[in-house]
Amino acid sequence: MATVAPAREAYRVGDLNIDVGQQRVAGPLGEIALPRLSFDLLIALVRRAPDYVTNDELAATVWSGLVVTPETVTKRVNLLRDALGDVASNPRYVAGLRSRGYRIAVPVL
């Protein structure tokens, strides 16, 4: 009897392809290298899209078991945006709700 492989957890976010199992993000210009925390942050946002995820929820998910400040979350979001070529003033991927949280700004497929 043949076994069925589990479905891959993969997402299309705008022009990004994200493969969770392989920890890969690829855009129109090729693969985008993300540090582990940035990748974990992106996945936390993608899994909750289109909803906002609060700073506290992101801290608990991405930095599980550690105490981090909202500034830590903000700095990591900025690093993620830089890696994706995104800007806060005109977000292509990550939109913020001042002092409250973040969300994915495009449909997630």
PDB file of N, CA and C in Angstrom:
ATOM      1  N   MET A   1       0.830  -1.172   0.000  1.00  0.00           N
ATOM      2  CA  MET A   1       0.000   0.000   0.000  1.00  0.00           C
ATOM      3  C   MET A   1       0.881   1.245   0.000  1.00  0.00           C
ATOM      4  N   ALA A   2       0.607   2.143  -0.899  1.00  0.00           N
ATOM      5  CA  ALA A   2       1.391   3.366  -1.017  1.00  0.00           C
ATOM      6  C   ALA A   2       0.946   4.371   0.039  1.00  0.00           C
ATOM      7  N   THR A   3       1.932   5.065   0.598  1.00  0.00           N
ATOM      8  CA  THR A   3       1.597   6.114   1.547  1.00  0.00           C
ATOM      9  C   THR A   3       1.521   7.439   0.813  1.00  0.00           C
ATOM     10  N   VAL A   4       0.670   8.306   1.318  1.00  0.00           N
ATOM     11  CA  VAL A   4       0.503   9.619   0.705  1.00  0.00           C
ATOM     12  C   VAL A   4       1.340  10.613   1.488  1.00  0.00           C
ATOM     13  N   ALA A   5       2.172  11.331   0.790  1.00  0.00           N
ATOM     14  CA  ALA A   5       3.005  12.340   1.439  1.00  0.00           C
ATOM     15  C   ALA A   5       2.123  13.493   1.910  1.00  0.00           C
ATOM     16  N   PRO A   6       2.433  14.057   3.064  1.00  0.00           N
ATOM     17  CA  PRO A   6       1.647  15.197   3.527  1.00  0.00           C
ATOM     18  C   PRO A   6       1.822  16.385   2.587  1.00  0.00           C
ATOM     19  N   ALA A   7       0.793  17.210   2.528  1.00  0.00           N
ATOM     20  CA  ALA A   7       0.855  18.396   1.664  1.00  0.00           C
ATOM     21  C   ALA A   7       1.932  19.342   2.184  1.00  0.00           C
ATOM     22  N   ARG A   8       2.646  19.953   1.262  1.00  0.00           N
ATOM     23  CA  ARG A   8       3.670  20.926   1.633  1.00  0.00           C
ATOM     24  C   ARG A   8       2.997  22.202   2.098  1.00  0.00           C
ATOM     25  N   GLU A   9       3.582  22.817   3.095  1.00  0.00           N
ATOM     26  CA  GLU A   9       3.091  24.122   3.525  1.00  0.00           C
ATOM     27  C   GLU A   9       3.846  25.161   2.704  1.00  0.00           C
ATOM     28  N   ALA A  10       3.143  25.713   1.739  1.00  0.00           N
ATOM     29  CA  ALA A  10       3.735  26.700   0.846  1.00  0.00           C
ATOM     30  C   ALA A  10       2.703  27.785   0.574  1.00  0.00           C
ATOM     31  N   TYR A  11       3.188  28.993   0.343  1.00  0.00           N
ATOM     32  CA  TYR A  11       2.306  30.135   0.147  1.00  0.00           C
ATOM     33  C   TYR A  11       2.794  30.989  -1.013  1.00  0.00           C
ATOM     34  N   ARG A  12       1.849  31.664  -1.619  1.00  0.00           N
ATOM     35  CA  ARG A  12       2.142  32.702  -2.618  1.00  0.00           C
ATOM     36  C   ARG A  12       1.666  34.003  -1.988  1.00  0.00           C
ATOM     37  N   VAL A  13       2.573  34.934  -1.784  1.00  0.00           N
ATOM     38  CA  VAL A  13       2.278  36.220  -1.165  1.00  0.00           C
ATOM     39  C   VAL A  13       2.704  37.300  -2.152  1.00  0.00           C
ATOM     40  N   GLY A  14       1.733  37.812  -2.901  1.00  0.00           N
ATOM     41  CA  GLY A  14       2.085  38.743  -3.970  1.00  0.00           C
ATOM     42  C   GLY A  14       2.979  38.018  -4.955  1.00  0.00           C
ATOM     43  N   ASP A  15       4.186  38.539  -5.178  1.00  0.00           N
ATOM     44  CA  ASP A  15       5.121  37.886  -6.102  1.00  0.00           C
ATOM     45  C   ASP A  15       6.175  37.046  -5.368  1.00  0.00           C
ATOM     46  N   LEU A  16       5.906  36.744  -4.103  1.00  0.00           N
ATOM     47  CA  LEU A  16       6.808  35.892  -3.325  1.00  0.00           C
ATOM     48  C   LEU A  16       6.271  34.469  -3.260  1.00  0.00           C
ATOM     49  N   ASN A  17       7.171  33.503  -3.340  1.00  0.00           N
ATOM     50  CA  ASN A  17       6.838  32.095  -3.100  1.00  0.00           C
ATOM     51  C   ASN A  17       7.552  31.688  -1.827  1.00  0.00           C
ATOM     52  N   ILE A  18       6.775  31.148  -0.876  1.00  0.00           N
ATOM     53  CA  ILE A  18       7.328  30.777   0.416  1.00  0.00           C
ATOM     54  C   ILE A  18       7.115  29.284   0.632  1.00  0.00           C
ATOM     55  N   ASP A  19       8.184  28.569   0.917  1.00  0.00           N
ATOM     56  CA  ASP A  19       8.125  27.137   1.222  1.00  0.00           C
ATOM     57  C   ASP A  19       8.587  26.974   2.662  1.00  0.00           C
ATOM     58  N   VAL A  20       7.643  26.625   3.535  1.00  0.00           N
ATOM     59  CA  VAL A  20       7.956  26.550   4.961  1.00  0.00           C
ATOM     60  C   VAL A  20       8.906  25.398   5.249  1.00  0.00           C
ATOM     61  N   GLY A  21       8.661  24.234   4.677  1.00  0.00           N
ATOM     62  CA  GLY A  21       9.494  23.071   4.949  1.00  0.00           C
ATOM     63  C   GLY A  21      10.941  23.269   4.551  1.00  0.00           C
ATOM     64  N   GLN A  22      11.152  23.947   3.444  1.00  0.00           N
ATOM     65  CA  GLN A  22      12.522  24.196   2.985  1.00  0.00           C
ATOM     66  C   GLN A  22      13.082  25.521   3.485  1.00  0.00           C
ATOM     67  N   GLN A  23      12.252  26.264   4.236  1.00  0.00           N
ATOM     68  CA  GLN A  23      12.686  27.553   4.782  1.00  0.00           C
ATOM     69  C   GLN A  23      13.188  28.474   3.676  1.00  0.00           C
ATOM     70  N   ARG A  24      12.423  28.554   2.581  1.00  0.00           N
ATOM     71  CA  ARG A  24      12.849  29.336   1.417  1.00  0.00           C
ATOM     72  C   ARG A  24      11.817  30.392   1.060  1.00  0.00           C
ATOM     73  N   VAL A  25      12.328  31.534   0.641  1.00  0.00           N
ATOM     74  CA  VAL A  25      11.507  32.606   0.091  1.00  0.00           C
ATOM     75  C   VAL A  25      12.139  32.995  -1.234  1.00  0.00           C
ATOM     76  N   ALA A  26      11.330  33.017  -2.273  1.00  0.00           N
ATOM     77  CA  ALA A  26      11.826  33.421  -3.593  1.00  0.00           C
ATOM     78  C   ALA A  26      10.935  34.523  -4.137  1.00  0.00           C
ATOM     79  N   GLY A  27      11.562  35.519  -4.721  1.00  0.00           N
ATOM     80  CA  GLY A  27      10.858  36.625  -5.350  1.00  0.00           C
ATOM     81  C   GLY A  27      11.155  36.649  -6.830  1.00  0.00           C
ATOM     82  N   PRO A  28      10.745  37.715  -7.519  1.00  0.00           N
ATOM     83  CA  PRO A  28      10.955  37.796  -8.965  1.00  0.00           C
ATOM     84  C   PRO A  28      12.428  37.771  -9.381  1.00  0.00           C
ATOM     85  N   LEU A  29      13.315  38.158  -8.478  1.00  0.00           N
ATOM     86  CA  LEU A  29      14.749  38.187  -8.803  1.00  0.00           C
ATOM     87  C   LEU A  29      15.503  36.989  -8.245  1.00  0.00           C
ATOM     88  N   GLY A  30      14.772  36.024  -7.691  1.00  0.00           N
ATOM     89  CA  GLY A  30      15.420  34.827  -7.153  1.00  0.00           C
ATOM     90  C   GLY A  30      15.214  34.674  -5.668  1.00  0.00           C
ATOM     91  N   GLU A  31      16.027  33.808  -5.086  1.00  0.00           N
ATOM     92  CA  GLU A  31      15.892  33.491  -3.671  1.00  0.00           C
ATOM     93  C   GLU A  31      16.282  34.674  -2.791  1.00  0.00           C
ATOM     94  N   ILE A  32      15.531  34.838  -1.695  1.00  0.00           N
ATOM     95  CA  ILE A  32      15.783  35.902  -0.726  1.00  0.00           C
ATOM     96  C   ILE A  32      16.241  35.231   0.567  1.00  0.00           C
ATOM     97  N   ALA A  33      17.458  35.504   0.965  1.00  0.00           N
ATOM     98  CA  ALA A  33      18.002  34.916   2.189  1.00  0.00           C
ATOM     99  C   ALA A  33      17.453  35.673   3.393  1.00  0.00           C
ATOM    100  N   LEU A  34      16.760  34.941   4.273  1.00  0.00           N
ATOM    101  CA  LEU A  34      16.226  35.548   5.489  1.00  0.00           C
ATOM    102  C   LEU A  34      16.812  34.847   6.705  1.00  0.00           C
ATOM    103  N   PRO A  35      17.229  35.620   7.702  1.00  0.00           N
ATOM    104  CA  PRO A  35      17.624  35.003   8.965  1.00  0.00           C
ATOM    105  C   PRO A  35      16.411  34.281   9.575  1.00  0.00           C
ATOM    106  N   ARG A  36      16.667  33.343  10.464  1.00  0.00           N
ATOM    107  CA  ARG A  36      15.601  32.530  11.042  1.00  0.00           C
ATOM    108  C   ARG A  36      14.486  33.366  11.667  1.00  0.00           C
ATOM    109  N   LEU A  37      14.821  34.377  12.459  1.00  0.00           N
ATOM    110  CA  LEU A  37      13.780  35.180  13.101  1.00  0.00           C
ATOM    111  C   LEU A  37      12.943  35.938  12.090  1.00  0.00           C
ATOM    112  N   SER A  38      13.557  36.437  11.038  1.00  0.00           N
ATOM    113  CA  SER A  38      12.798  37.137   9.996  1.00  0.00           C
ATOM    114  C   SER A  38      11.869  36.170   9.268  1.00  0.00           C
ATOM    115  N   PHE A  39      12.358  34.966   8.978  1.00  0.00           N
ATOM    116  CA  PHE A  39      11.519  33.957   8.329  1.00  0.00           C
ATOM    117  C   PHE A  39      10.353  33.580   9.240  1.00  0.00           C
ATOM    118  N   ASP A  40      10.631  33.361  10.517  1.00  0.00           N
ATOM    119  CA  ASP A  40       9.575  33.014  11.467  1.00  0.00           C
ATOM    120  C   ASP A  40       8.539  34.124  11.587  1.00  0.00           C
ATOM    121  N   LEU A  41       8.993  35.355  11.567  1.00  0.00           N
ATOM    122  CA  LEU A  41       8.075  36.497  11.606  1.00  0.00           C
ATOM    123  C   LEU A  41       7.191  36.518  10.365  1.00  0.00           C
ATOM    124  N   LEU A  42       7.781  36.330   9.206  1.00  0.00           N
ATOM    125  CA  LEU A  42       7.020  36.308   7.958  1.00  0.00           C
ATOM    126  C   LEU A  42       5.963  35.204   7.992  1.00  0.00           C
ATOM    127  N   ILE A  43       6.334  34.017   8.429  1.00  0.00           N
ATOM    128  CA  ILE A  43       5.392  32.897   8.482  1.00  0.00           C
ATOM    129  C   ILE A  43       4.278  33.180   9.484  1.00  0.00           C
ATOM    130  N   ALA A  44       4.600  33.779  10.617  1.00  0.00           N
ATOM    131  CA  ALA A  44       3.567  34.128  11.602  1.00  0.00           C
ATOM    132  C   ALA A  44       2.539  35.077  10.997  1.00  0.00           C
ATOM    133  N   LEU A  45       3.000  36.033  10.205  1.00  0.00           N
ATOM    134  CA  LEU A  45       2.089  36.978   9.552  1.00  0.00           C
ATOM    135  C   LEU A  45       1.283  36.294   8.447  1.00  0.00           C
ATOM    136  N   VAL A  46       1.932  35.468   7.656  1.00  0.00           N
ATOM    137  CA  VAL A  46       1.267  34.781   6.548  1.00  0.00           C
ATOM    138  C   VAL A  46       0.172  33.860   7.064  1.00  0.00           C
ATOM    139  N   ARG A  47       0.454  33.129   8.115  1.00  0.00           N
ATOM    140  CA  ARG A  47      -0.528  32.173   8.653  1.00  0.00           C
ATOM    141  C   ARG A  47      -1.761  32.871   9.210  1.00  0.00           C
ATOM    142  N   ARG A  48      -1.648  34.121   9.576  1.00  0.00           N
ATOM    143  CA  ARG A  48      -2.786  34.864  10.129  1.00  0.00           C
ATOM    144  C   ARG A  48      -3.418  35.829   9.126  1.00  0.00           C
ATOM    145  N   ALA A  49      -2.877  35.889   7.915  1.00  0.00           N
ATOM    146  CA  ALA A  49      -3.399  36.818   6.904  1.00  0.00           C
ATOM    147  C   ALA A  49      -4.873  36.529   6.645  1.00  0.00           C
ATOM    148  N   PRO A  50      -5.670  37.548   6.414  1.00  0.00           N
ATOM    149  CA  PRO A  50      -5.345  38.967   6.240  1.00  0.00           C
ATOM    150  C   PRO A  50      -5.397  39.776   7.531  1.00  0.00           C
ATOM    151  N   ASP A  51      -5.514  39.105   8.675  1.00  0.00           N
ATOM    152  CA  ASP A  51      -5.670  39.807   9.948  1.00  0.00           C
ATOM    153  C   ASP A  51      -4.369  40.428  10.437  1.00  0.00           C
ATOM    154  N   TYR A  52      -4.536  41.462  11.262  1.00  0.00           N
ATOM    155  CA  TYR A  52      -3.394  42.022  11.968  1.00  0.00           C
ATOM    156  C   TYR A  52      -2.989  41.060  13.071  1.00  0.00           C
ATOM    157  N   VAL A  53      -1.699  41.001  13.345  1.00  0.00           N
ATOM    158  CA  VAL A  53      -1.163  40.215  14.445  1.00  0.00           C
ATOM    159  C   VAL A  53      -0.532  41.222  15.403  1.00  0.00           C
ATOM    160  N   THR A  54      -0.949  41.182  16.657  1.00  0.00           N
ATOM    161  CA  THR A  54      -0.438  42.164  17.614  1.00  0.00           C
ATOM    162  C   THR A  54       1.038  41.940  17.895  1.00  0.00           C
ATOM    163  N   ASN A  55       1.673  42.989  18.389  1.00  0.00           N
ATOM    164  CA  ASN A  55       3.080  42.890  18.770  1.00  0.00           C
ATOM    165  C   ASN A  55       3.278  41.794  19.819  1.00  0.00           C
ATOM    166  N   ASP A  56       2.351  41.702  20.774  1.00  0.00           N
ATOM    167  CA  ASP A  56       2.455  40.674  21.814  1.00  0.00           C
ATOM    168  C   ASP A  56       2.345  39.273  21.223  1.00  0.00           C
ATOM    169  N   GLU A  57       1.420  39.078  20.277  1.00  0.00           N
ATOM    170  CA  GLU A  57       1.273  37.765  19.635  1.00  0.00           C
ATOM    171  C   GLU A  57       2.521  37.406  18.837  1.00  0.00           C
ATOM    172  N   LEU A  58       3.073  38.389  18.122  1.00  0.00           N
ATOM    173  CA  LEU A  58       4.299  38.134  17.360  1.00  0.00           C
ATOM    174  C   LEU A  58       5.454  37.788  18.293  1.00  0.00           C
ATOM    175  N   ALA A  59       5.566  38.516  19.395  1.00  0.00           N
ATOM    176  CA  ALA A  59       6.642  38.242  20.350  1.00  0.00           C
ATOM    177  C   ALA A  59       6.516  36.821  20.898  1.00  0.00           C
ATOM    178  N   ALA A  60       5.304  36.409  21.235  1.00  0.00           N
ATOM    179  CA  ALA A  60       5.087  35.068  21.797  1.00  0.00           C
ATOM    180  C   ALA A  60       5.342  33.973  20.771  1.00  0.00           C
ATOM    181  N   THR A  61       5.035  34.245  19.512  1.00  0.00           N
ATOM    182  CA  THR A  61       5.197  33.246  18.454  1.00  0.00           C
ATOM    183  C   THR A  61       6.641  33.149  17.972  1.00  0.00           C
ATOM    184  N   VAL A  62       7.229  34.279  17.670  1.00  0.00           N
ATOM    185  CA  VAL A  62       8.564  34.294  17.060  1.00  0.00           C
ATOM    186  C   VAL A  62       9.666  34.121  18.102  1.00  0.00           C
ATOM    187  N   TRP A  63       9.487  34.704  19.273  1.00  0.00           N
ATOM    188  CA  TRP A  63      10.482  34.624  20.343  1.00  0.00           C
ATOM    189  C   TRP A  63       9.915  33.786  21.490  1.00  0.00           C
ATOM    190  N   SER A  64       9.381  32.656  21.199  1.00  0.00           N
ATOM    191  CA  SER A  64       8.717  31.790  22.181  1.00  0.00           C
ATOM    192  C   SER A  64       9.580  31.570  23.423  1.00  0.00           C
ATOM    193  N   GLY A  65       9.011  31.878  24.571  1.00  0.00           N
ATOM    194  CA  GLY A  65       9.712  31.666  25.829  1.00  0.00           C
ATOM    195  C   GLY A  65      10.638  32.791  26.240  1.00  0.00           C
ATOM    196  N   LEU A  66      10.812  33.788  25.392  1.00  0.00           N
ATOM    197  CA  LEU A  66      11.682  34.916  25.713  1.00  0.00           C
ATOM    198  C   LEU A  66      10.846  36.169  25.924  1.00  0.00           C
ATOM    199  N   VAL A  67      11.341  37.069  26.724  1.00  0.00           N
ATOM    200  CA  VAL A  67      10.683  38.349  26.926  1.00  0.00           C
ATOM    201  C   VAL A  67      11.339  39.352  25.985  1.00  0.00           C
ATOM    202  N   VAL A  68      10.531  39.912  25.089  1.00  0.00           N
ATOM    203  CA  VAL A  68      11.051  40.919  24.161  1.00  0.00           C
ATOM    204  C   VAL A  68      10.147  42.146  24.207  1.00  0.00           C
ATOM    205  N   THR A  69      10.705  43.266  23.853  1.00  0.00           N
ATOM    206  CA  THR A  69       9.955  44.521  23.864  1.00  0.00           C
ATOM    207  C   THR A  69       9.302  44.752  22.499  1.00  0.00           C
ATOM    208  N   PRO A  70       8.325  45.642  22.439  1.00  0.00           N
ATOM    209  CA  PRO A  70       7.742  45.997  21.141  1.00  0.00           C
ATOM    210  C   PRO A  70       8.797  46.538  20.171  1.00  0.00           C
ATOM    211  N   GLU A  71       9.831  47.177  20.708  1.00  0.00           N
ATOM    212  CA  GLU A  71      10.902  47.693  19.851  1.00  0.00           C
ATOM    213  C   GLU A  71      11.653  46.563  19.155  1.00  0.00           C
ATOM    214  N   THR A  72      11.793  45.434  19.841  1.00  0.00           N
ATOM    215  CA  THR A  72      12.436  44.267  19.238  1.00  0.00           C
ATOM    216  C   THR A  72      11.629  43.786  18.042  1.00  0.00           C
ATOM    217  N   VAL A  73      10.311  43.736  18.208  1.00  0.00           N
ATOM    218  CA  VAL A  73       9.429  43.319  17.112  1.00  0.00           C
ATOM    219  C   VAL A  73       9.560  44.312  15.959  1.00  0.00           C
ATOM    220  N   THR A  74       9.512  45.594  16.267  1.00  0.00           N
ATOM    221  CA  THR A  74       9.611  46.630  15.232  1.00  0.00           C
ATOM    222  C   THR A  74      10.931  46.529  14.465  1.00  0.00           C
ATOM    223  N   LYS A  75      12.023  46.321  15.175  1.00  0.00           N
ATOM    224  CA  LYS A  75      13.327  46.201  14.515  1.00  0.00           C
ATOM    225  C   LYS A  75      13.359  44.988  13.591  1.00  0.00           C
ATOM    226  N   ARG A  76      12.778  43.872  14.032  1.00  0.00           N
ATOM    227  CA  ARG A  76      12.771  42.668  13.197  1.00  0.00           C
ATOM    228  C   ARG A  76      11.875  42.877  11.981  1.00  0.00           C
ATOM    229  N   VAL A  77      10.755  43.566  12.145  1.00  0.00           N
ATOM    230  CA  VAL A  77       9.890  43.873  10.994  1.00  0.00           C
ATOM    231  C   VAL A  77      10.654  44.737   9.996  1.00  0.00           C
ATOM    232  N   ASN A  78      11.401  45.702  10.497  1.00  0.00           N
ATOM    233  CA  ASN A  78      12.194  46.549   9.601  1.00  0.00           C
ATOM    234  C   ASN A  78      13.250  45.743   8.851  1.00  0.00           C
ATOM    235  N   LEU A  79      13.890  44.790   9.532  1.00  0.00           N
ATOM    236  CA  LEU A  79      14.860  43.925   8.858  1.00  0.00           C
ATOM    237  C   LEU A  79      14.183  43.074   7.787  1.00  0.00           C
ATOM    238  N   LEU A  80      12.999  42.551   8.094  1.00  0.00           N
ATOM    239  CA  LEU A  80      12.244  41.767   7.115  1.00  0.00           C
ATOM    240  C   LEU A  80      11.876  42.626   5.919  1.00  0.00           C
ATOM    241  N   ARG A  81      11.367  43.819   6.183  1.00  0.00           N
ATOM    242  CA  ARG A  81      11.013  44.728   5.080  1.00  0.00           C
ATOM    243  C   ARG A  81      12.228  45.029   4.204  1.00  0.00           C
ATOM    244  N   ASP A  82      13.359  45.316   4.826  1.00  0.00           N
ATOM    245  CA  ASP A  82      14.580  45.595   4.058  1.00  0.00           C
ATOM    246  C   ASP A  82      14.932  44.419   3.151  1.00  0.00           C
ATOM    247  N   ALA A  83      14.862  43.208   3.690  1.00  0.00           N
ATOM    248  CA  ALA A  83      15.211  42.019   2.908  1.00  0.00           C
ATOM    249  C   ALA A  83      14.261  41.815   1.737  1.00  0.00           C
ATOM    250  N   LEU A  84      12.981  42.184   1.933  1.00  0.00           N
ATOM    251  CA  LEU A  84      11.982  42.010   0.879  1.00  0.00           C
ATOM    252  C   LEU A  84      11.895  43.206  -0.067  1.00  0.00           C
ATOM    253  N   GLY A  85      12.638  44.271   0.218  1.00  0.00           N
ATOM    254  CA  GLY A  85      12.562  45.483  -0.601  1.00  0.00           C
ATOM    255  C   GLY A  85      11.265  46.232  -0.366  1.00  0.00           C
ATOM    256  N   ASP A  86      10.738  46.144   0.841  1.00  0.00           N
ATOM    257  CA  ASP A  86       9.468  46.752   1.215  1.00  0.00           C
ATOM    258  C   ASP A  86       9.738  48.022   2.014  1.00  0.00           C
ATOM    259  N   VAL A  87       8.780  48.947   2.003  1.00  0.00           N
ATOM    260  CA  VAL A  87       8.897  50.168   2.795  1.00  0.00           C
ATOM    261  C   VAL A  87       7.606  50.401   3.561  1.00  0.00           C
ATOM    262  N   ALA A  88       7.735  50.920   4.771  1.00  0.00           N
ATOM    263  CA  ALA A  88       6.570  51.131   5.634  1.00  0.00           C
ATOM    264  C   ALA A  88       5.590  52.149   5.051  1.00  0.00           C
ATOM    265  N   SER A  89       6.103  53.177   4.377  1.00  0.00           N
ATOM    266  CA  SER A  89       5.228  54.236   3.863  1.00  0.00           C
ATOM    267  C   SER A  89       4.366  53.788   2.688  1.00  0.00           C
ATOM    268  N   ASN A  90       4.796  52.756   1.982  1.00  0.00           N
ATOM    269  CA  ASN A  90       4.027  52.223   0.850  1.00  0.00           C
ATOM    270  C   ASN A  90       4.252  50.709   0.800  1.00  0.00           C
ATOM    271  N   PRO A  91       3.660  49.983   1.764  1.00  0.00           N
ATOM    272  CA  PRO A  91       3.985  48.555   1.904  1.00  0.00           C
ATOM    273  C   PRO A  91       3.482  47.690   0.757  1.00  0.00           C
ATOM    274  N   ARG A  92       4.377  46.839   0.265  1.00  0.00           N
ATOM    275  CA  ARG A  92       3.999  45.831  -0.732  1.00  0.00           C
ATOM    276  C   ARG A  92       3.666  44.516  -0.055  1.00  0.00           C
ATOM    277  N   TYR A  93       4.279  44.253   1.104  1.00  0.00           N
ATOM    278  CA  TYR A  93       4.100  42.974   1.791  1.00  0.00           C
ATOM    279  C   TYR A  93       3.632  43.118   3.239  1.00  0.00           C
ATOM    280  N   VAL A  94       4.305  43.961   4.018  1.00  0.00           N
ATOM    281  CA  VAL A  94       4.022  44.043   5.453  1.00  0.00           C
ATOM    282  C   VAL A  94       3.497  45.434   5.808  1.00  0.00           C
ATOM    283  N   ALA A  95       2.223  45.474   6.232  1.00  0.00           N
ATOM    284  CA  ALA A  95       1.605  46.726   6.660  1.00  0.00           C
ATOM    285  C   ALA A  95       1.562  46.769   8.180  1.00  0.00           C
ATOM    286  N   GLY A  96       1.731  47.960   8.730  1.00  0.00           N
ATOM    287  CA  GLY A  96       1.712  48.110  10.180  1.00  0.00           C
ATOM    288  C   GLY A  96       0.521  48.923  10.647  1.00  0.00           C
ATOM    289  N   LEU A  97       0.129  48.666  11.869  1.00  0.00           N
ATOM    290  CA  LEU A  97      -0.890  49.440  12.553  1.00  0.00           C
ATOM    291  C   LEU A  97      -0.178  50.002  13.776  1.00  0.00           C
ATOM    292  N   ARG A  98       0.133  51.277  13.727  1.00  0.00           N
ATOM    293  CA  ARG A  98       1.038  51.929  14.670  1.00  0.00           C
ATOM    294  C   ARG A  98       0.847  51.452  16.116  1.00  0.00           C
ATOM    295  N   SER A  99       1.947  50.974  16.684  1.00  0.00           N
ATOM    296  CA  SER A  99       2.037  50.529  18.073  1.00  0.00           C
ATOM    297  C   SER A  99       1.131  49.353  18.419  1.00  0.00           C
ATOM    298  N   ARG A 100       0.529  48.712  17.398  1.00  0.00           N
ATOM    299  CA  ARG A 100      -0.393  47.624  17.706  1.00  0.00           C
ATOM    300  C   ARG A 100      -0.034  46.311  17.035  1.00  0.00           C
ATOM    301  N   GLY A 101       0.411  46.354  15.789  1.00  0.00           N
ATOM    302  CA  GLY A 101       0.733  45.097  15.131  1.00  0.00           C
ATOM    303  C   GLY A 101       0.984  45.254  13.648  1.00  0.00           C
ATOM    304  N   TYR A 102       1.015  44.110  12.972  1.00  0.00           N
ATOM    305  CA  TYR A 102       1.340  44.058  11.551  1.00  0.00           C
ATOM    306  C   TYR A 102       0.474  43.023  10.868  1.00  0.00           C
ATOM    307  N   ARG A 103       0.394  43.148   9.538  1.00  0.00           N
ATOM    308  CA  ARG A 103      -0.328  42.171   8.731  1.00  0.00           C
ATOM    309  C   ARG A 103       0.303  42.087   7.357  1.00  0.00           C
ATOM    310  N   ILE A 104      -0.044  41.030   6.625  1.00  0.00           N
ATOM    311  CA  ILE A 104       0.384  40.915   5.236  1.00  0.00           C
ATOM    312  C   ILE A 104      -0.544  41.789   4.396  1.00  0.00           C
ATOM    313  N   ALA A 105       0.033  42.613   3.540  1.00  0.00           N
ATOM    314  CA  ALA A 105      -0.716  43.632   2.810  1.00  0.00           C
ATOM    315  C   ALA A 105      -1.302  43.140   1.482  1.00  0.00           C
ATOM    316  N   VAL A 106      -0.978  41.935   1.068  1.00  0.00           N
ATOM    317  CA  VAL A 106      -1.481  41.394  -0.199  1.00  0.00           C
ATOM    318  C   VAL A 106      -2.159  40.044   0.070  1.00  0.00           C
ATOM    319  N   PRO A 107      -2.976  39.568  -0.872  1.00  0.00           N
ATOM    320  CA  PRO A 107      -3.614  38.267  -0.663  1.00  0.00           C
ATOM    321  C   PRO A 107      -2.578  37.147  -0.530  1.00  0.00           C
ATOM    322  N   VAL A 108      -2.907  36.185   0.310  1.00  0.00           N
ATOM    323  CA  VAL A 108      -2.063  35.008   0.510  1.00  0.00           C
ATOM    324  C   VAL A 108      -2.775  33.828  -0.129  1.00  0.00           C
ATOM    325  N   LEU A 109      -2.077  33.167  -1.043  1.00  0.00           N
ATOM    326  CA  LEU A 109      -2.646  31.998  -1.713  1.00  0.00           C
ATOM    327  C   LEU A 109      -1.884  30.743  -1.341  1.00  0.00           C
TER     328      LEU A 109
END
